[in-house]
Every structure is written in structure tokens, then in C-alpha cells.
């Protein structure tokens, strides 16, 4: 299952995502993974959440991000939640050009029984159809 947290830049999407991740720790039976492109939130997240800063891995483009996310999920077989803060920002693309990423994410979430949260920096009206279907 994919859940989208959207809104214009500066509206608190990351804070909502962090709060959601921290709230899931107590009830989670599997691993929680938080992917972003900064270490700034490492002290805001519960210590049981695996924070991954993509800047450490020099991800360039949507295909690289897809492979990276698949690899992170493949590293453990008991992942339960995946949080991605700013997939478009990490991939260096516009959300409207990331249909392949969201298709991959949907299949990965279904296959691995993951609940995935993704932030999108745009208004509801600007969300492409392939993203808006997860609202």
C-alpha cells in the first residue's frame, strides 16, 4: 500500500512523515526504513527506524533510485514500513516524470507486504494521475 503526503514546499510534509514513522514504532512487527537526502532528521526519528541518507550513495536519476530502494528492501525480509521523503528531489526529476518509479514502488509494496509513505512537493491538483490514485 502506498500513501502520499503532499503539499507545497514548506508546508510540513517531512514533519508529518517523521511523526508517522515514530508513531508506527510501537506497533510495528517488522523493520521501518526512512529514506531521505539529509542526515538532519537523525535525532528526530526513533532509534529503531533505519535512516538512510541517499547523499552517501550518489544516486543519480529515477532508475538509480528504483534500484536503490529495491536493494534496501531486499536487505531484510521482514520490512513493514518504508518512508521516502522527497523521491522526486532525490531522483532529480519532476513528479510528473516519475511514473516508472511509482509503478515499481507499487509492485515492491505489494510483493513485500510493505506500507510505503512518500512525500510530494505539490498541490493536490498538480499530482499526476499515477500518484493521485494513492490518495
N, C-alpha and C. Protein backbone atom coordinates (compact mmCIF):
# COMPACT_ATOMS: atom_id res chain seq x y z
N UNK A 1 0.85 -1.16 0.00
CA UNK A 1 0.00 0.00 0.00
C UNK A 1 0.90 1.24 0.00
N UNK A 2 0.53 2.21 -0.81
CA UNK A 2 1.27 3.46 -0.88
C UNK A 2 0.38 4.58 -0.37
N UNK A 3 0.96 5.43 0.45
CA UNK A 3 0.25 6.60 0.97
C UNK A 3 1.06 7.83 0.61
N UNK A 4 0.39 8.85 0.12
CA UNK A 4 1.03 10.07 -0.34
C UNK A 4 0.77 11.20 0.65
N UNK A 5 1.83 11.91 1.00
CA UNK A 5 1.72 13.13 1.81
C UNK A 5 2.15 14.26 0.87
N UNK A 6 1.22 15.14 0.53
CA UNK A 6 1.51 16.17 -0.45
C UNK A 6 1.28 17.56 0.12
N UNK A 7 1.80 18.55 -0.59
CA UNK A 7 1.64 19.95 -0.23
C UNK A 7 2.79 20.75 -0.78
N UNK A 8 2.61 22.05 -0.93
CA UNK A 8 3.70 22.88 -1.44
C UNK A 8 4.91 22.86 -0.51
N UNK A 9 6.04 23.21 -1.03
CA UNK A 9 7.28 23.25 -0.26
C UNK A 9 7.09 24.13 0.98
N UNK A 10 7.57 23.62 2.12
CA UNK A 10 7.49 24.38 3.36
C UNK A 10 6.21 24.21 4.15
N UNK A 11 5.38 23.24 3.80
CA UNK A 11 4.10 23.07 4.50
C UNK A 11 4.14 21.99 5.58
N UNK A 12 5.30 21.41 5.86
CA UNK A 12 5.41 20.47 6.96
C UNK A 12 5.24 19.01 6.60
N UNK A 13 5.44 18.66 5.35
CA UNK A 13 5.29 17.27 4.94
C UNK A 13 6.30 16.36 5.63
N UNK A 14 7.53 16.80 5.72
CA UNK A 14 8.57 15.98 6.38
C UNK A 14 8.24 15.77 7.84
N UNK A 15 7.76 16.78 8.52
CA UNK A 15 7.37 16.66 9.93
C UNK A 15 6.25 15.63 10.08
N UNK A 16 5.28 15.67 9.18
CA UNK A 16 4.19 14.69 9.21
C UNK A 16 4.74 13.29 9.00
N UNK A 17 5.67 13.14 8.05
CA UNK A 17 6.27 11.84 7.75
C UNK A 17 7.07 11.31 8.94
N UNK A 18 7.83 12.18 9.59
CA UNK A 18 8.61 11.79 10.78
C UNK A 18 7.68 11.36 11.90
N UNK A 19 6.64 12.13 12.14
CA UNK A 19 5.67 11.79 13.19
C UNK A 19 5.00 10.44 12.89
N UNK A 20 4.65 10.22 11.64
CA UNK A 20 4.02 8.96 11.24
C UNK A 20 4.97 7.79 11.50
N UNK A 21 6.23 7.96 11.12
CA UNK A 21 7.23 6.90 11.33
C UNK A 21 7.40 6.62 12.82
N UNK A 22 7.55 7.67 13.62
CA UNK A 22 7.72 7.49 15.07
C UNK A 22 6.50 6.83 15.71
N UNK A 23 5.31 7.14 15.22
CA UNK A 23 4.09 6.55 15.76
C UNK A 23 3.97 5.06 15.44
N UNK A 24 4.58 4.63 14.34
CA UNK A 24 4.48 3.23 13.92
C UNK A 24 5.44 2.31 14.69
N UNK A 25 6.45 2.87 15.34
CA UNK A 25 7.47 2.06 16.02
C UNK A 25 6.86 1.12 17.05
N UNK A 26 5.96 1.61 17.87
CA UNK A 26 5.40 0.81 18.96
C UNK A 26 4.61 -0.40 18.46
N UNK A 27 3.92 -0.25 17.34
CA UNK A 27 3.06 -1.34 16.85
C UNK A 27 3.70 -2.18 15.74
N UNK A 28 4.82 -1.74 15.21
CA UNK A 28 5.45 -2.45 14.10
C UNK A 28 6.03 -3.79 14.54
N UNK A 29 5.84 -4.79 13.71
CA UNK A 29 6.41 -6.10 13.97
C UNK A 29 7.66 -6.32 13.12
N UNK A 30 7.84 -5.48 12.09
CA UNK A 30 8.99 -5.58 11.19
C UNK A 30 9.82 -4.31 11.22
N UNK A 31 10.73 -4.21 10.26
CA UNK A 31 11.63 -3.06 10.19
C UNK A 31 10.94 -1.83 9.60
N UNK A 32 11.42 -0.66 10.01
CA UNK A 32 10.98 0.61 9.47
C UNK A 32 12.18 1.27 8.81
N UNK A 33 12.01 1.74 7.58
CA UNK A 33 13.09 2.35 6.82
C UNK A 33 12.67 3.76 6.43
N UNK A 34 13.56 4.72 6.65
CA UNK A 34 13.28 6.12 6.31
C UNK A 34 14.37 6.58 5.35
N UNK A 35 13.99 6.86 4.11
CA UNK A 35 14.94 7.29 3.08
C UNK A 35 14.75 8.77 2.80
N UNK A 36 15.84 9.51 2.87
CA UNK A 36 15.82 10.95 2.58
C UNK A 36 17.19 11.34 2.05
N UNK A 37 17.39 12.61 1.78
CA UNK A 37 18.68 13.03 1.25
C UNK A 37 19.41 13.97 2.21
N UNK A 38 19.26 13.73 3.49
CA UNK A 38 19.94 14.53 4.51
C UNK A 38 20.02 13.74 5.81
N UNK A 39 20.99 14.08 6.63
CA UNK A 39 21.09 13.46 7.96
C UNK A 39 20.41 14.34 9.03
N UNK A 40 19.83 15.44 8.59
CA UNK A 40 19.26 16.42 9.50
C UNK A 40 18.21 15.83 10.45
N UNK A 41 17.53 14.78 10.04
CA UNK A 41 16.43 14.24 10.85
C UNK A 41 16.84 13.07 11.73
N UNK A 42 18.12 12.76 11.78
CA UNK A 42 18.55 11.56 12.51
C UNK A 42 18.18 11.61 14.00
N UNK A 43 18.10 12.78 14.58
CA UNK A 43 17.76 12.87 16.00
C UNK A 43 16.26 13.03 16.22
N UNK A 44 15.52 13.25 15.14
CA UNK A 44 14.06 13.36 15.24
C UNK A 44 13.38 12.00 15.14
N UNK A 45 14.07 11.05 14.55
CA UNK A 45 13.50 9.71 14.36
C UNK A 45 13.87 8.79 15.52
N UNK A 46 12.96 7.91 15.87
CA UNK A 46 13.19 6.90 16.90
C UNK A 46 14.39 6.05 16.49
N UNK A 47 15.15 5.60 17.44
CA UNK A 47 16.38 4.85 17.14
C UNK A 47 16.13 3.51 16.45
N UNK A 48 14.92 3.00 16.51
CA UNK A 48 14.60 1.74 15.84
C UNK A 48 14.26 1.91 14.36
N UNK A 49 14.23 3.14 13.89
CA UNK A 49 13.95 3.41 12.47
C UNK A 49 15.29 3.56 11.75
N UNK A 50 15.46 2.82 10.68
CA UNK A 50 16.70 2.90 9.92
C UNK A 50 16.66 4.11 9.00
N UNK A 51 17.48 5.11 9.29
CA UNK A 51 17.58 6.31 8.46
C UNK A 51 18.66 6.10 7.42
N UNK A 52 18.32 6.33 6.16
CA UNK A 52 19.28 6.21 5.08
C UNK A 52 19.35 7.55 4.35
N UNK A 53 20.54 8.14 4.33
CA UNK A 53 20.78 9.39 3.62
C UNK A 53 21.28 9.03 2.23
N UNK A 54 20.52 9.33 1.20
CA UNK A 54 20.88 8.95 -0.16
C UNK A 54 22.10 9.70 -0.68
N UNK A 55 22.47 10.80 -0.05
CA UNK A 55 23.67 11.52 -0.49
C UNK A 55 24.92 10.67 -0.31
N UNK A 56 24.88 9.73 0.63
CA UNK A 56 26.01 8.83 0.85
C UNK A 56 26.20 7.85 -0.31
N UNK A 57 25.20 7.71 -1.17
CA UNK A 57 25.22 6.70 -2.23
C UNK A 57 25.21 7.30 -3.64
N UNK A 58 25.29 8.59 -3.75
CA UNK A 58 25.38 9.30 -5.03
C UNK A 58 24.35 8.81 -6.05
N UNK A 59 23.09 8.82 -5.67
CA UNK A 59 22.02 8.38 -6.55
C UNK A 59 21.79 9.45 -7.61
N UNK A 60 21.78 9.02 -8.86
CA UNK A 60 21.59 9.95 -9.97
C UNK A 60 20.48 9.44 -10.88
N UNK A 61 19.31 9.97 -10.72
CA UNK A 61 18.21 9.62 -11.60
C UNK A 61 17.20 8.65 -11.01
N UNK A 62 16.12 8.51 -11.75
CA UNK A 62 15.00 7.68 -11.33
C UNK A 62 15.35 6.19 -11.30
N UNK A 63 16.06 5.72 -12.31
CA UNK A 63 16.44 4.31 -12.35
C UNK A 63 17.35 3.95 -11.18
N UNK A 64 18.27 4.84 -10.86
CA UNK A 64 19.17 4.59 -9.73
C UNK A 64 18.39 4.55 -8.43
N UNK A 65 17.42 5.45 -8.28
CA UNK A 65 16.59 5.46 -7.08
C UNK A 65 15.77 4.17 -6.98
N UNK A 66 15.22 3.72 -8.10
CA UNK A 66 14.46 2.46 -8.10
C UNK A 66 15.33 1.30 -7.63
N UNK A 67 16.52 1.21 -8.19
CA UNK A 67 17.43 0.13 -7.80
C UNK A 67 17.85 0.23 -6.36
N UNK A 68 18.07 1.45 -5.89
CA UNK A 68 18.47 1.66 -4.51
C UNK A 68 17.37 1.21 -3.55
N UNK A 69 16.14 1.63 -3.81
CA UNK A 69 15.01 1.27 -2.95
C UNK A 69 14.82 -0.25 -2.94
N UNK A 70 14.90 -0.87 -4.11
CA UNK A 70 14.77 -2.34 -4.18
C UNK A 70 15.87 -3.01 -3.35
N UNK A 71 17.08 -2.51 -3.44
CA UNK A 71 18.19 -3.08 -2.68
C UNK A 71 18.01 -2.95 -1.18
N UNK A 72 17.53 -1.79 -0.75
CA UNK A 72 17.30 -1.56 0.67
C UNK A 72 16.23 -2.52 1.19
N UNK A 73 15.17 -2.69 0.43
CA UNK A 73 14.09 -3.59 0.85
C UNK A 73 14.58 -5.05 0.83
N UNK A 74 15.40 -5.39 -0.14
CA UNK A 74 15.91 -6.77 -0.26
C UNK A 74 16.88 -7.13 0.87
N UNK A 75 17.45 -6.13 1.53
CA UNK A 75 18.43 -6.39 2.58
C UNK A 75 17.82 -7.10 3.79
N UNK A 76 16.52 -6.93 4.02
CA UNK A 76 15.81 -7.60 5.12
C UNK A 76 14.52 -8.19 4.60
N UNK A 77 14.13 -9.31 5.12
CA UNK A 77 12.89 -9.92 4.65
C UNK A 77 11.69 -9.60 5.54
N UNK A 78 11.89 -8.83 6.57
CA UNK A 78 10.78 -8.51 7.46
C UNK A 78 10.55 -7.00 7.58
N UNK A 79 10.66 -6.30 6.46
CA UNK A 79 10.36 -4.86 6.44
C UNK A 79 8.85 -4.68 6.51
N UNK A 80 8.42 -3.68 7.22
CA UNK A 80 6.98 -3.43 7.33
C UNK A 80 6.60 -2.04 6.81
N UNK A 81 7.43 -1.04 7.08
CA UNK A 81 7.13 0.32 6.65
C UNK A 81 8.33 0.91 5.91
N UNK A 82 8.03 1.65 4.85
CA UNK A 82 9.04 2.36 4.08
C UNK A 82 8.58 3.80 3.96
N UNK A 83 9.42 4.73 4.36
CA UNK A 83 9.13 6.15 4.28
C UNK A 83 10.14 6.79 3.35
N UNK A 84 9.66 7.51 2.33
CA UNK A 84 10.55 8.17 1.39
C UNK A 84 10.21 9.65 1.39
N UNK A 85 11.16 10.45 1.83
CA UNK A 85 10.96 11.90 1.89
C UNK A 85 11.53 12.54 0.64
N UNK A 86 10.65 12.94 -0.27
CA UNK A 86 11.07 13.67 -1.46
C UNK A 86 11.70 12.81 -2.53
N UNK A 87 10.98 11.83 -3.03
CA UNK A 87 11.51 10.94 -4.07
C UNK A 87 11.92 11.73 -5.32
N UNK A 88 11.12 12.70 -5.71
CA UNK A 88 11.45 13.50 -6.90
C UNK A 88 12.72 14.30 -6.68
N UNK A 89 12.88 14.83 -5.50
CA UNK A 89 14.10 15.60 -5.16
C UNK A 89 15.33 14.70 -5.19
N UNK A 90 15.20 13.50 -4.64
CA UNK A 90 16.32 12.56 -4.62
C UNK A 90 16.70 12.14 -6.04
N UNK A 91 15.68 11.88 -6.87
CA UNK A 91 15.93 11.43 -8.25
C UNK A 91 16.33 12.58 -9.17
N UNK A 92 16.09 13.81 -8.73
CA UNK A 92 16.41 14.97 -9.57
C UNK A 92 15.46 15.12 -10.74
N UNK A 93 14.20 14.73 -10.53
CA UNK A 93 13.20 14.80 -11.59
C UNK A 93 11.95 15.47 -11.06
N UNK A 94 11.06 15.80 -11.97
CA UNK A 94 9.73 16.31 -11.61
C UNK A 94 8.83 15.12 -11.34
N UNK A 95 7.88 15.29 -10.44
CA UNK A 95 6.96 14.20 -10.09
C UNK A 95 6.24 13.68 -11.33
N UNK A 96 5.86 14.57 -12.21
CA UNK A 96 5.11 14.17 -13.41
C UNK A 96 5.91 13.24 -14.33
N UNK A 97 7.21 13.20 -14.15
CA UNK A 97 8.08 12.36 -14.98
C UNK A 97 8.53 11.08 -14.28
N UNK A 98 7.86 10.71 -13.19
CA UNK A 98 8.31 9.57 -12.39
C UNK A 98 7.32 8.41 -12.35
N UNK A 99 6.61 8.19 -13.41
CA UNK A 99 5.62 7.10 -13.46
C UNK A 99 6.27 5.75 -13.21
N UNK A 100 7.44 5.52 -13.78
CA UNK A 100 8.12 4.22 -13.60
C UNK A 100 8.47 3.98 -12.13
N UNK A 101 8.87 5.02 -11.42
CA UNK A 101 9.20 4.88 -10.01
C UNK A 101 7.98 4.46 -9.20
N UNK A 102 6.85 5.11 -9.43
CA UNK A 102 5.65 4.78 -8.67
C UNK A 102 5.10 3.41 -9.05
N UNK A 103 5.26 3.01 -10.31
CA UNK A 103 4.87 1.67 -10.71
C UNK A 103 5.73 0.64 -9.96
N UNK A 104 7.04 0.87 -9.94
CA UNK A 104 7.96 -0.03 -9.22
C UNK A 104 7.60 -0.08 -7.74
N UNK A 105 7.33 1.08 -7.16
CA UNK A 105 7.01 1.16 -5.73
C UNK A 105 5.73 0.39 -5.41
N UNK A 106 4.75 0.48 -6.28
CA UNK A 106 3.51 -0.25 -6.07
C UNK A 106 3.76 -1.76 -6.08
N UNK A 107 4.49 -2.23 -7.06
CA UNK A 107 4.79 -3.66 -7.15
C UNK A 107 5.65 -4.12 -5.97
N UNK A 108 6.64 -3.32 -5.59
CA UNK A 108 7.51 -3.66 -4.46
C UNK A 108 6.71 -3.72 -3.16
N UNK A 109 5.81 -2.77 -2.97
CA UNK A 109 4.98 -2.74 -1.76
C UNK A 109 4.06 -3.95 -1.69
N UNK A 110 3.45 -4.30 -2.82
CA UNK A 110 2.55 -5.46 -2.85
C UNK A 110 3.31 -6.76 -2.61
N UNK A 111 4.41 -6.93 -3.29
CA UNK A 111 5.19 -8.16 -3.21
C UNK A 111 5.77 -8.40 -1.82
N UNK A 112 6.17 -7.32 -1.16
CA UNK A 112 6.84 -7.43 0.13
C UNK A 112 5.94 -7.06 1.31
N UNK A 113 4.65 -6.86 1.06
CA UNK A 113 3.69 -6.50 2.10
C UNK A 113 4.16 -5.28 2.90
N UNK A 114 4.57 -4.25 2.16
CA UNK A 114 5.06 -3.00 2.76
C UNK A 114 3.98 -1.94 2.74
N UNK A 115 3.97 -1.11 3.76
CA UNK A 115 3.20 0.12 3.72
C UNK A 115 4.22 1.22 3.45
N UNK A 116 4.04 1.92 2.34
CA UNK A 116 5.01 2.91 1.89
C UNK A 116 4.40 4.30 1.92
N UNK A 117 5.13 5.23 2.51
CA UNK A 117 4.73 6.64 2.55
C UNK A 117 5.72 7.44 1.72
N UNK A 118 5.20 8.35 0.87
CA UNK A 118 6.05 9.18 0.03
C UNK A 118 5.55 10.61 0.12
N UNK A 119 6.48 11.56 0.27
CA UNK A 119 6.11 12.97 0.24
C UNK A 119 6.25 13.51 -1.18
N UNK A 120 5.34 14.39 -1.55
CA UNK A 120 5.35 15.03 -2.87
C UNK A 120 5.16 16.54 -2.67
N UNK A 121 6.08 17.32 -3.21
CA UNK A 121 6.02 18.77 -3.06
C UNK A 121 5.19 19.39 -4.18
N UNK A 122 3.88 19.29 -4.05
CA UNK A 122 2.97 19.92 -5.00
C UNK A 122 1.57 19.94 -4.40
N UNK A 123 0.70 20.67 -5.03
CA UNK A 123 -0.69 20.70 -4.57
C UNK A 123 -1.41 19.46 -5.07
N UNK A 124 -2.59 19.23 -4.54
CA UNK A 124 -3.38 18.06 -4.94
C UNK A 124 -3.69 18.10 -6.44
N UNK A 125 -3.96 19.29 -6.95
CA UNK A 125 -4.29 19.45 -8.36
C UNK A 125 -3.09 19.15 -9.26
N UNK A 126 -1.89 19.35 -8.76
CA UNK A 126 -0.68 19.13 -9.56
C UNK A 126 -0.22 17.67 -9.55
N UNK A 127 -0.80 16.85 -8.70
CA UNK A 127 -0.39 15.44 -8.64
C UNK A 127 -0.78 14.73 -9.94
N UNK A 128 0.14 14.04 -10.57
CA UNK A 128 -0.20 13.25 -11.75
C UNK A 128 -1.17 12.13 -11.36
N UNK A 129 -1.93 11.64 -12.32
CA UNK A 129 -2.91 10.60 -12.07
C UNK A 129 -2.29 9.34 -11.44
N UNK A 130 -1.07 8.99 -11.88
CA UNK A 130 -0.43 7.78 -11.35
C UNK A 130 -0.01 7.94 -9.89
N UNK A 131 0.00 9.16 -9.36
CA UNK A 131 0.26 9.40 -7.94
C UNK A 131 -1.05 9.64 -7.20
N UNK A 132 -1.95 10.40 -7.82
CA UNK A 132 -3.22 10.77 -7.19
C UNK A 132 -4.08 9.54 -6.85
N UNK A 133 -3.88 8.44 -7.55
CA UNK A 133 -4.67 7.24 -7.26
C UNK A 133 -4.37 6.65 -5.89
N UNK A 134 -3.30 7.07 -5.25
CA UNK A 134 -2.94 6.58 -3.91
C UNK A 134 -3.50 7.45 -2.78
N UNK A 135 -4.20 8.52 -3.11
CA UNK A 135 -4.76 9.39 -2.06
C UNK A 135 -5.94 8.74 -1.39
